[in-house]
Amino acid sequence: QVQLVESGGGLVQAGGSLRLACAASTSIFSINVMGWYRQAPGKQRELVATLTSGGTTNYADAVKGRFTISRDNAKNTVYLQMNSLKPEDTAVYYCSAAYYSGRYYWGQGTQVTVSS
């Protein structure tokens, strides 16, 4: 079992940047897919970005060209660099880990608020 702890959220003005971090309690080397999702008030949780163990990335159309997902296996950490932030990016951001076995884990989330 892995525990995921997100950090880096906060309040930023539109056009600004934030970098979220997701620290795993175990090695992420064997995790199939790590990802970031977000949930805005009154909305369903949605995919933001994913990164496979082989290095393949996938982004939601709404964040393409602005967000970048990356991983540091030595630090057991996955990052989400968010640039050119918009008010509509305001949400709670969650880290996820999907193992080859099919087991799936979530972090507790970190709040990102973008003011106009």
Protein backbone atom coordinates (compact mmCIF):
# COMPACT_ATOMS: atom_id res chain seq x y z
CA GLN A 1 0.00 0.00 0.00
CA VAL A 2 1.25 3.48 -0.87
CA GLN A 3 0.40 6.80 0.72
CA LEU A 4 0.35 9.88 -1.47
CA VAL A 5 0.79 13.37 -0.05
CA GLU A 6 0.22 16.42 -2.22
CA SER A 7 1.71 19.83 -1.58
CA GLY A 8 2.27 23.11 -3.37
CA GLY A 9 -1.27 24.37 -3.68
CA GLY A 10 -2.28 27.89 -2.81
CA LEU A 11 -3.69 31.17 -4.03
CA VAL A 12 -2.28 32.71 -7.20
CA GLN A 13 -3.34 35.42 -9.60
CA ALA A 14 -4.42 34.61 -13.12
CA GLY A 15 -1.39 34.20 -15.35
CA GLY A 16 0.75 32.96 -12.49
CA SER A 17 2.37 29.61 -11.86
CA LEU A 18 2.37 26.90 -9.23
CA ARG A 19 4.17 23.58 -8.92
CA LEU A 20 2.37 20.76 -7.18
CA ALA A 21 4.26 17.83 -5.72
CA CYS A 22 3.02 14.36 -4.85
CA ALA A 23 5.29 12.46 -2.51
CA ALA A 24 4.79 8.70 -2.33
CA SER A 25 5.59 6.64 0.75
CA THR A 26 7.13 3.88 -1.37
CA SER A 27 9.10 3.65 -4.57
CA ILE A 28 7.18 4.91 -7.59
CA PHE A 29 9.44 3.01 -9.95
CA SER A 30 6.99 0.11 -10.13
CA ILE A 31 3.85 2.19 -10.43
CA ASN A 32 2.24 1.84 -13.86
CA VAL A 33 0.61 5.24 -14.13
CA MET A 34 0.77 8.30 -11.93
CA GLY A 35 -1.61 11.12 -12.47
CA TRP A 36 -3.18 14.35 -11.41
CA TYR A 37 -6.91 14.94 -11.28
CA ARG A 38 -8.94 17.90 -10.10
CA GLN A 39 -12.38 18.57 -8.75
CA ALA A 40 -14.03 21.96 -8.75
CA PRO A 41 -17.02 22.74 -6.49
CA GLY A 42 -20.16 21.17 -7.84
CA LYS A 43 -18.31 19.29 -10.57
CA GLN A 44 -17.05 15.78 -11.07
CA ARG A 45 -13.43 14.87 -10.64
CA GLU A 46 -11.62 15.14 -13.98
CA LEU A 47 -8.33 14.05 -15.43
CA VAL A 48 -5.60 16.68 -15.64
CA ALA A 49 -2.51 14.71 -16.65
CA THR A 50 -1.01 11.24 -16.46
CA LEU A 51 2.48 9.83 -16.79
CA THR A 52 3.27 6.17 -17.37
CA SER A 53 6.31 4.31 -16.12
CA GLY A 54 7.55 4.34 -19.69
CA GLY A 55 7.39 8.12 -19.84
CA THR A 56 4.24 8.58 -21.91
CA THR A 57 2.22 11.64 -20.95
CA ASN A 58 -1.41 12.50 -21.46
CA TYR A 59 -3.08 15.84 -20.81
CA ALA A 60 -6.60 17.15 -20.71
CA ASP A 61 -7.28 19.52 -23.59
CA ALA A 62 -7.94 22.33 -21.13
CA VAL A 63 -4.38 22.25 -19.80
CA LYS A 64 -2.32 21.26 -22.84
CA GLY A 65 0.56 23.63 -23.39
CA ARG A 66 0.24 25.10 -19.90
CA PHE A 67 0.75 22.15 -17.51
CA THR A 68 3.60 19.66 -17.39
CA ILE A 69 3.70 16.41 -15.45
CA SER A 70 7.04 14.90 -14.47
CA ARG A 71 8.48 12.42 -12.02
CA ASP A 72 11.61 12.01 -9.95
CA ASN A 73 12.00 8.33 -9.15
CA ALA A 74 14.88 9.00 -6.77
CA LYS A 75 12.62 11.21 -4.66
CA ASN A 76 9.48 9.10 -5.18
CA THR A 77 7.75 12.28 -6.25
CA VAL A 78 5.56 13.34 -9.14
CA TYR A 79 5.19 17.00 -10.06
CA LEU A 80 2.65 19.12 -11.88
CA GLN A 81 4.04 22.39 -13.17
CA MET A 82 1.14 24.74 -13.86
CA ASN A 83 1.77 27.89 -15.87
CA SER A 84 -0.53 30.58 -17.25
CA LEU A 85 -3.13 29.70 -14.65
CA LYS A 86 -6.73 30.68 -15.22
CA PRO A 87 -9.61 31.15 -12.77
CA GLU A 88 -11.20 28.02 -14.23
CA ASP A 89 -8.20 26.01 -12.99
CA THR A 90 -9.46 26.57 -9.45
CA ALA A 91 -10.07 23.16 -7.87
CA VAL A 92 -8.80 20.60 -5.42
CA TYR A 93 -6.00 18.71 -7.13
CA TYR A 94 -5.51 15.03 -6.38
CA CYS A 95 -2.58 12.76 -7.06
CA SER A 96 -3.22 9.16 -8.11
CA ALA A 97 -1.20 5.99 -8.47
CA ALA A 98 -2.24 2.98 -10.52
CA TYR A 99 -0.30 -0.24 -10.10
CA TYR A 100 0.02 -2.99 -12.68
CA SER A 101 -2.03 -5.17 -10.33
CA GLY A 102 -4.98 -2.85 -10.80
CA ARG A 103 -4.83 -1.35 -7.33
CA TYR A 104 -5.46 2.36 -7.30
CA TYR A 105 -4.61 5.00 -4.69
CA TRP A 106 -5.46 8.66 -4.15
CA GLY A 107 -3.89 11.45 -2.17
CA GLN A 108 -5.87 13.74 0.09
CA GLY A 109 -5.79 16.66 -2.32
CA THR A 110 -4.41 20.18 -2.34
CA GLN A 111 -6.42 23.35 -3.02
CA VAL A 112 -5.50 25.58 -5.94
CA THR A 113 -7.28 28.92 -6.19
CA VAL A 114 -6.70 31.26 -9.11
CA SER A 115 -7.99 34.79 -8.72
CA SER A 116 -8.97 36.97 -11.66
